[in-house]
C-alpha atoms as a PDB file:
ATOM      1  CA  MET A   1       5.762   4.030 -22.263  1.00  0.00           C
ATOM      2  CA  SER A   2       5.671   0.420 -21.446  1.00  0.00           C
ATOM      3  CA  ASP A   3       2.879  -1.297 -19.574  1.00  0.00           C
ATOM      4  CA  GLU A   4       5.042  -1.937 -16.498  1.00  0.00           C
ATOM      5  CA  ARG A   5       5.622   1.856 -16.093  1.00  0.00           C
ATOM      6  CA  ARG A   6       1.833   2.866 -16.272  1.00  0.00           C
ATOM      7  CA  GLY A   7       0.167   3.890 -13.029  1.00  0.00           C
ATOM      8  CA  LEU A   8       3.129   5.750 -11.500  1.00  0.00           C
ATOM      9  CA  LEU A   9       2.321   8.414  -9.055  1.00  0.00           C
ATOM     10  CA  ALA A  10       4.196  11.076 -11.025  1.00  0.00           C
ATOM     11  CA  GLU A  11       1.820  10.468 -13.908  1.00  0.00           C
ATOM     12  CA  LYS A  12      -0.981  12.033 -11.951  1.00  0.00           C
ATOM     13  CA  THR A  13       0.711  15.490 -12.423  1.00  0.00           C
ATOM     14  CA  PRO A  14       3.220  14.964 -15.186  1.00  0.00           C
ATOM     15  CA  PHE A  15       6.512  16.804 -15.172  1.00  0.00           C
ATOM     16  CA  PRO A  16       7.225  19.337 -17.974  1.00  0.00           C
ATOM     17  CA  ASP A  17       8.545  17.565 -21.080  1.00  0.00           C
ATOM     18  CA  ASP A  18      11.657  19.721 -21.289  1.00  0.00           C
ATOM     19  CA  LEU A  19      13.194  18.369 -17.936  1.00  0.00           C
ATOM     20  CA  ASP A  20      16.509  16.726 -18.191  1.00  0.00           C
ATOM     21  CA  ASP A  21      15.914  12.884 -18.800  1.00  0.00           C
ATOM     22  CA  ARG A  22      18.109  11.833 -15.744  1.00  0.00           C
ATOM     23  CA  LEU A  23      16.449  14.243 -13.446  1.00  0.00           C
ATOM     24  CA  HIS A  24      13.009  13.227 -14.726  1.00  0.00           C
ATOM     25  CA  ALA A  25      13.661   9.718 -13.808  1.00  0.00           C
ATOM     26  CA  GLN A  26      15.153  10.585 -10.506  1.00  0.00           C
ATOM     27  CA  LEU A  27      12.133  12.683  -9.543  1.00  0.00           C
ATOM     28  CA  THR A  28       9.731   9.990 -10.834  1.00  0.00           C
ATOM     29  CA  PHE A  29      11.337   7.500  -8.417  1.00  0.00           C
ATOM     30  CA  LEU A  30      11.312  10.012  -5.515  1.00  0.00           C
ATOM     31  CA  VAL A  31       7.527  10.561  -6.139  1.00  0.00           C
ATOM     32  CA  GLU A  32       6.831   6.876  -6.415  1.00  0.00           C
ATOM     33  CA  ILE A  33       8.500   5.983  -2.936  1.00  0.00           C
ATOM     34  CA  ASP A  34       6.119   8.490  -1.317  1.00  0.00           C
ATOM     35  CA  GLN A  35       3.837   5.443  -1.165  1.00  0.00           C
ATOM     36  CA  LEU A  36       6.144   4.075   1.628  1.00  0.00           C
ATOM     37  CA  LYS A  37       4.236   6.344   3.944  1.00  0.00           C
ATOM     38  CA  THR A  38       1.089   4.430   3.163  1.00  0.00           C
ATOM     39  CA  ILE A  39       2.345   0.871   4.013  1.00  0.00           C
ATOM     40  CA  LEU A  40       1.318   0.125   7.518  1.00  0.00           C
ATOM     41  CA  ARG A  41       3.406  -2.240   9.673  1.00  0.00           C
ATOM     42  CA  GLN A  42       2.161  -4.388  12.684  1.00  0.00           C
ATOM     43  CA  SER A  43       4.185  -2.447  15.295  1.00  0.00           C
ATOM     44  CA  PRO A  44       2.244   0.037  17.397  1.00  0.00           C
ATOM     45  CA  LEU A  45       3.797   3.390  17.860  1.00  0.00           C
ATOM     46  CA  ALA A  46       5.115   4.465  21.330  1.00  0.00           C
ATOM     47  CA  ALA A  47       3.883   8.142  20.997  1.00  0.00           C
ATOM     48  CA  THR A  48       0.330   7.527  19.971  1.00  0.00           C
ATOM     49  CA  ASP A  49      -2.366   4.856  19.524  1.00  0.00           C
ATOM     50  CA  ARG A  50      -1.852   3.712  15.940  1.00  0.00           C
ATOM     51  CA  ARG A  51       0.525   1.444  13.871  1.00  0.00           C
ATOM     52  CA  GLU A  52       3.688   2.831  12.325  1.00  0.00           C
ATOM     53  CA  ASN A  53       4.181   2.997   8.526  1.00  0.00           C
ATOM     54  CA  ASP A  54       7.190   1.873   6.615  1.00  0.00           C
ATOM     55  CA  ALA A  55       8.577   5.474   6.130  1.00  0.00           C
ATOM     56  CA  GLU A  56       8.507   6.056   9.960  1.00  0.00           C
ATOM     57  CA  HIS A  57      10.045   2.697  10.665  1.00  0.00           C
ATOM     58  CA  SER A  58      12.910   3.446   8.075  1.00  0.00           C
ATOM     59  CA  TRP A  59      13.604   6.877   9.626  1.00  0.00           C
ATOM     60  CA  HIS A  60      13.608   5.338  13.077  1.00  0.00           C
ATOM     61  CA  LEU A  61      16.226   2.738  11.974  1.00  0.00           C
ATOM     62  CA  ALA A  62      18.511   5.488  10.554  1.00  0.00           C
ATOM     63  CA  MET A  63      18.367   7.218  13.841  1.00  0.00           C
ATOM     64  CA  MET A  64      19.117   3.944  15.683  1.00  0.00           C
ATOM     65  CA  VAL A  65      22.240   3.545  13.465  1.00  0.00           C
ATOM     66  CA  VAL A  66      23.545   6.952  14.276  1.00  0.00           C
ATOM     67  CA  ILE A  67      22.970   6.425  18.082  1.00  0.00           C
ATOM     68  CA  LEU A  68      23.759   2.726  18.581  1.00  0.00           C
ATOM     69  CA  ALA A  69      26.719   2.344  16.174  1.00  0.00           C
ATOM     70  CA  GLU A  70      29.237   2.153  18.864  1.00  0.00           C
ATOM     71  CA  HIS A  71      27.614  -1.103  20.060  1.00  0.00           C
ATOM     72  CA  SER A  72      28.436  -2.940  16.869  1.00  0.00           C
ATOM     73  CA  ASP A  73      30.868  -5.860  17.468  1.00  0.00           C
ATOM     74  CA  GLU A  74      32.760  -4.844  14.237  1.00  0.00           C
ATOM     75  CA  PRO A  75      33.549  -1.294  13.007  1.00  0.00           C
ATOM     76  CA  ILE A  76      30.963  -0.175  10.570  1.00  0.00           C
ATOM     77  CA  ASP A  77      30.599   2.897   8.159  1.00  0.00           C
ATOM     78  CA  VAL A  78      27.618   4.612   9.672  1.00  0.00           C
ATOM     79  CA  GLY A  79      26.711   6.372   6.403  1.00  0.00           C
ATOM     80  CA  HIS A  80      26.793   3.185   4.487  1.00  0.00           C
ATOM     81  CA  THR A  81      24.635   1.471   7.098  1.00  0.00           C
ATOM     82  CA  ILE A  82      22.127   4.410   7.072  1.00  0.00           C
ATOM     83  CA  GLN A  83      21.786   3.900   3.224  1.00  0.00           C
ATOM     84  CA  LEU A  84      21.019   0.173   3.764  1.00  0.00           C
ATOM     85  CA  VAL A  85      18.249   0.870   6.495  1.00  0.00           C
ATOM     86  CA  LEU A  86      16.596   3.665   4.340  1.00  0.00           C
ATOM     87  CA  LEU A  87      16.500   1.363   1.167  1.00  0.00           C
ATOM     88  CA  HIS A  88      15.616  -2.037   2.671  1.00  0.00           C
ATOM     89  CA  ASP A  89      11.879  -1.643   2.905  1.00  0.00           C
ATOM     90  CA  LEU A  90      11.269   0.417  -0.295  1.00  0.00           C
ATOM     91  CA  VAL A  91      10.255  -2.801  -2.101  1.00  0.00           C
ATOM     92  CA  GLU A  92       7.232  -3.100   0.282  1.00  0.00           C
ATOM     93  CA  ILE A  93       5.676  -0.402  -1.847  1.00  0.00           C
ATOM     94  CA  TYR A  94       4.802  -3.176  -4.359  1.00  0.00           C
ATOM     95  CA  ALA A  95       5.307  -6.363  -2.182  1.00  0.00           C
ATOM     96  CA  GLY A  96       3.476  -5.161   0.883  1.00  0.00           C
ATOM     97  CA  ASP A  97       4.601  -5.592   4.520  1.00  0.00           C
ATOM     98  CA  THR A  98       5.088  -9.217   5.648  1.00  0.00           C
ATOM     99  CA  PRO A  99       4.407  -9.581   9.422  1.00  0.00           C
ATOM    100  CA  LEU A 100       7.374 -11.223  11.146  1.00  0.00           C
ATOM    101  CA  TYR A 101       5.297 -13.832  12.784  1.00  0.00           C
ATOM    102  CA  ASP A 102       3.135 -14.816   9.842  1.00  0.00           C
ATOM    103  CA  SER A 103       4.772 -17.903   8.371  1.00  0.00           C
ATOM    104  CA  ALA A 104       2.174 -18.351   5.639  1.00  0.00           C
ATOM    105  CA  ALA A 105       2.743 -14.848   4.368  1.00  0.00           C
ATOM    106  CA  GLY A 106       6.491 -15.286   4.593  1.00  0.00           C
ATOM    107  CA  SER A 107       6.551 -18.362   2.336  1.00  0.00           C
ATOM    108  CA  ASP A 108       6.731 -16.280  -0.798  1.00  0.00           C
ATOM    109  CA  GLN A 109       8.082 -13.134   0.674  1.00  0.00           C
ATOM    110  CA  HIS A 110      11.519 -13.396  -1.071  1.00  0.00           C
ATOM    111  CA  ASP A 111      10.067 -13.795  -4.489  1.00  0.00           C
ATOM    112  CA  ARG A 112       7.587 -10.954  -3.997  1.00  0.00           C
ATOM    113  CA  GLU A 113      10.258  -8.576  -2.808  1.00  0.00           C
ATOM    114  CA  VAL A 114      12.851  -9.527  -5.587  1.00  0.00           C
ATOM    115  CA  ALA A 115      10.058  -8.825  -8.150  1.00  0.00           C
ATOM    116  CA  ALA A 116       9.254  -5.554  -6.468  1.00  0.00           C
ATOM    117  CA  ALA A 117      12.918  -4.542  -6.368  1.00  0.00           C
ATOM    118  CA  ASP A 118      13.348  -5.224 -10.081  1.00  0.00           C
ATOM    119  CA  LYS A 119      10.205  -3.039 -10.851  1.00  0.00           C
ATOM    120  CA  LEU A 120      10.962  -0.171  -8.446  1.00  0.00           C
ATOM    121  CA  PHE A 121      14.697   0.299  -8.846  1.00  0.00           C
ATOM    122  CA  SER A 122      14.374   0.223 -12.745  1.00  0.00           C
ATOM    123  CA  LEU A 123      12.711   3.592 -12.396  1.00  0.00           C
ATOM    124  CA  LEU A 124      16.075   5.219 -11.703  1.00  0.00           C
ATOM    125  CA  PRO A 125      18.937   5.975 -14.150  1.00  0.00           C
ATOM    126  CA  ALA A 126      20.749   2.751 -14.971  1.00  0.00           C
ATOM    127  CA  ASP A 127      23.853   3.574 -12.913  1.00  0.00           C
ATOM    128  CA  GLN A 128      21.797   4.417  -9.908  1.00  0.00           C
ATOM    129  CA  ALA A 129      19.489   1.576 -10.258  1.00  0.00           C
ATOM    130  CA  ARG A 130      22.538  -0.765 -10.161  1.00  0.00           C
ATOM    131  CA  ARG A 131      23.963   0.904  -7.116  1.00  0.00           C
ATOM    132  CA  VAL A 132      20.606   0.894  -5.224  1.00  0.00           C
ATOM    133  CA  ARG A 133      20.000  -2.786  -6.183  1.00  0.00           C
ATOM    134  CA  LEU A 134      23.462  -3.731  -4.808  1.00  0.00           C
ATOM    135  CA  LEU A 135      22.655  -1.968  -1.547  1.00  0.00           C
ATOM    136  CA  TRP A 136      19.324  -3.729  -1.309  1.00  0.00           C
ATOM    137  CA  ASP A 137      20.944  -7.055  -1.983  1.00  0.00           C
ATOM    138  CA  GLU A 138      23.675  -6.344   0.554  1.00  0.00           C
ATOM    139  CA  PHE A 139      21.089  -5.859   3.236  1.00  0.00           C
ATOM    140  CA  GLU A 140      19.292  -9.028   2.203  1.00  0.00           C
ATOM    141  CA  GLU A 141      22.541 -11.135   2.168  1.00  0.00           C
ATOM    142  CA  ARG A 142      23.772  -9.787   5.552  1.00  0.00           C
ATOM    143  CA  ARG A 143      27.415 -10.587   4.724  1.00  0.00           C
ATOM    144  CA  THR A 144      28.966  -7.312   5.597  1.00  0.00           C
ATOM    145  CA  PRO A 145      29.244  -5.745   9.118  1.00  0.00           C
ATOM    146  CA  GLU A 146      27.044  -2.867   7.886  1.00  0.00           C
ATOM    147  CA  ALA A 147      24.410  -5.135   6.651  1.00  0.00           C
ATOM    148  CA  LYS A 148      24.529  -7.327   9.777  1.00  0.00           C
ATOM    149  CA  PHE A 149      24.105  -4.189  11.944  1.00  0.00           C
ATOM    150  CA  ALA A 150      21.239  -2.855   9.713  1.00  0.00           C
ATOM    151  CA  LYS A 151      19.383  -6.080  10.058  1.00  0.00           C
ATOM    152  CA  ALA A 152      19.959  -5.967  13.800  1.00  0.00           C
ATOM    153  CA  MET A 153      18.334  -2.440  13.864  1.00  0.00           C
ATOM    154  CA  ASP A 154      15.440  -3.799  11.814  1.00  0.00           C
ATOM    155  CA  ARG A 155      14.819  -6.443  14.593  1.00  0.00           C
ATOM    156  CA  LEU A 156      15.508  -4.235  17.542  1.00  0.00           C
ATOM    157  CA  GLN A 157      13.356  -1.307  16.613  1.00  0.00           C
ATOM    158  CA  PRO A 158      10.014  -3.281  16.762  1.00  0.00           C
ATOM    159  CA  LEU A 159      11.175  -4.980  19.863  1.00  0.00           C
ATOM    160  CA  LEU A 160      11.446  -1.539  21.478  1.00  0.00           C
ATOM    161  CA  LEU A 161       7.977  -0.591  20.323  1.00  0.00           C
ATOM    162  CA  ASN A 162       6.405  -3.928  21.554  1.00  0.00           C
ATOM    163  CA  TRP A 163       8.062  -3.226  24.925  1.00  0.00           C
ATOM    164  CA  MET A 164       6.477   0.208  25.107  1.00  0.00           C
ATOM    165  CA  ALA A 165       3.083  -1.389  24.088  1.00  0.00           C
ATOM    166  CA  ARG A 166       3.394  -3.983  26.794  1.00  0.00           C
ATOM    167  CA  GLY A 167       3.393  -6.775  24.207  1.00  0.00           C
ATOM    168  CA  GLY A 168       2.208  -5.414  20.904  1.00  0.00           C
ATOM    169  CA  THR A 169       2.763  -8.083  18.277  1.00  0.00           C
ATOM    170  CA  TRP A 170       4.280 -10.423  20.936  1.00  0.00           C
ATOM    171  CA  ARG A 171       0.615 -11.204  21.748  1.00  0.00           C
ATOM    172  CA  THR A 172      -0.017 -12.481  18.085  1.00  0.00           C
ATOM    173  CA  PRO A 173      -2.133 -15.737  18.357  1.00  0.00           C
ATOM    174  CA  GLY A 174       0.027 -18.753  18.564  1.00  0.00           C
ATOM    175  CA  VAL A 175       3.253 -16.699  19.088  1.00  0.00           C
ATOM    176  CA  THR A 176       5.303 -17.528  22.269  1.00  0.00           C
ATOM    177  CA  ALA A 177       8.190 -15.778  23.936  1.00  0.00           C
ATOM    178  CA  ASP A 178      10.481 -18.376  22.508  1.00  0.00           C
ATOM    179  CA  ASP A 179       9.207 -17.551  19.064  1.00  0.00           C
ATOM    180  CA  VAL A 180      10.232 -13.937  19.690  1.00  0.00           C
ATOM    181  CA  ARG A 181      13.617 -14.879  20.990  1.00  0.00           C
ATOM    182  CA  ALA A 182      14.264 -17.030  17.735  1.00  0.00           C
ATOM    183  CA  ARG A 183      13.134 -14.261  15.405  1.00  0.00           C
ATOM    184  CA  LYS A 184      15.221 -11.632  17.267  1.00  0.00           C
ATOM    185  CA  ALA A 185      18.356 -13.674  17.719  1.00  0.00           C
ATOM    186  CA  VAL A 186      19.776 -12.132  14.559  1.00  0.00           C
ATOM    187  CA  ILE A 187      20.553  -9.040  16.654  1.00  0.00           C
ATOM    188  CA  GLY A 188      23.451 -11.025  18.161  1.00  0.00           C
ATOM    189  CA  GLU A 189      25.077 -11.523  14.878  1.00  0.00           C
ATOM    190  CA  ALA A 190      25.948  -7.803  14.894  1.00  0.00           C
ATOM    191  CA  SER A 191      26.073  -6.886  18.555  1.00  0.00           C
ATOM    192  CA  ALA A 192      26.431  -9.015  21.748  1.00  0.00           C
ATOM    193  CA  SER A 193      25.521  -6.143  23.914  1.00  0.00           C
ATOM    194  CA  LEU A 194      22.347  -5.144  22.181  1.00  0.00           C
ATOM    195  CA  TRP A 195      21.235  -8.713  22.033  1.00  0.00           C
ATOM    196  CA  ARG A 196      21.760  -9.070  25.844  1.00  0.00           C
ATOM    197  CA  ALA A 197      19.572  -6.058  26.264  1.00  0.00           C
ATOM    198  CA  GLY A 198      17.031  -7.280  23.770  1.00  0.00           C
ATOM    199  CA  ARG A 199      16.830 -10.711  25.507  1.00  0.00           C
ATOM    200  CA  ARG A 200      16.402  -8.902  28.904  1.00  0.00           C
ATOM    201  CA  LEU A 201      13.412  -7.043  27.583  1.00  0.00           C
ATOM    202  CA  ILE A 202      11.797 -10.103  25.992  1.00  0.00           C
ATOM    203  CA  ASP A 203      12.441 -12.097  29.173  1.00  0.00           C
ATOM    204  CA  GLU A 204      10.944  -9.438  31.311  1.00  0.00           C
ATOM    205  CA  GLY A 205       7.971  -9.184  29.033  1.00  0.00           C
ATOM    206  CA  GLU A 206       7.450 -12.911  29.381  1.00  0.00           C
ATOM    207  CA  THR A 207       7.528 -12.589  33.139  1.00  0.00           C
ATOM    208  CA  ARG A 208       5.018  -9.735  33.091  1.00  0.00           C
ATOM    209  CA  GLY A 209       2.679 -11.826  30.966  1.00  0.00           C
ATOM    210  CA  TRP A 210       3.071  -9.645  27.853  1.00  0.00           C
ATOM    211  CA  SER A 211       3.793 -12.805  25.798  1.00  0.00           C
ATOM    212  CA  ARG A 212       2.872 -16.453  26.018  1.00  0.00           C
ATOM    213  CA  ARG A 213       5.240 -19.015  27.619  1.00  0.00           C
ATOM    214  CA  ALA A 214       6.120 -21.840  25.317  1.00  0.00           C
ATOM    215  CA  THR A 215       5.074 -24.332  28.121  1.00  0.00           C
ATOM    216  CA  PRO A 216       2.424 -23.027  30.374  1.00  0.00           C
ATOM    217  CA  GLN A 217       3.396 -23.080  33.974  1.00  0.00           C
ATOM    218  CA  GLY A 218       1.097 -24.177  36.857  1.00  0.00           C
END
């Protein structure tokens, strides 16, 4: 086994040697991505007093696609879009979560995540590795209606959680309501109606003092 394959979760309790090679690789990948449940994000949960993890985030995005697909400005394949949102954060198992409002941490985010994608997806059989990588690249490039909507859900979901938390990460030191609007504007690339709603929540949060005004009034 090569050095880059050492330390996989599945090796803690190795599968029987007589398992089919393809199935062995698939199960190894599925065990490895159990780590997604341990990657904490900055967003607070609405239901309890703790931060969400990446697996919870991905599940929530999938549900949002199911419920909100009708708001897409272009027709989308719901099943394909669900695949995009379920896959997009898997690389954070190795790359870690990068807070949206942390510019310094974001400076090398792309490089870290590409390296993580190369490592993680290579655990799969070659044909599945290629397919999963194409899906991940599609999400990152945001060229298809499905990818645009998937990205919109990725930005809308934490907006909802921050609204429920009466600020949440909107209160990050140095971050203003204008910064929030700028980071969330990508929602409008997929859905004008959802971006109107998102802006309404951001604007109201600013009015209520849940985020900082760019230019203090008074």
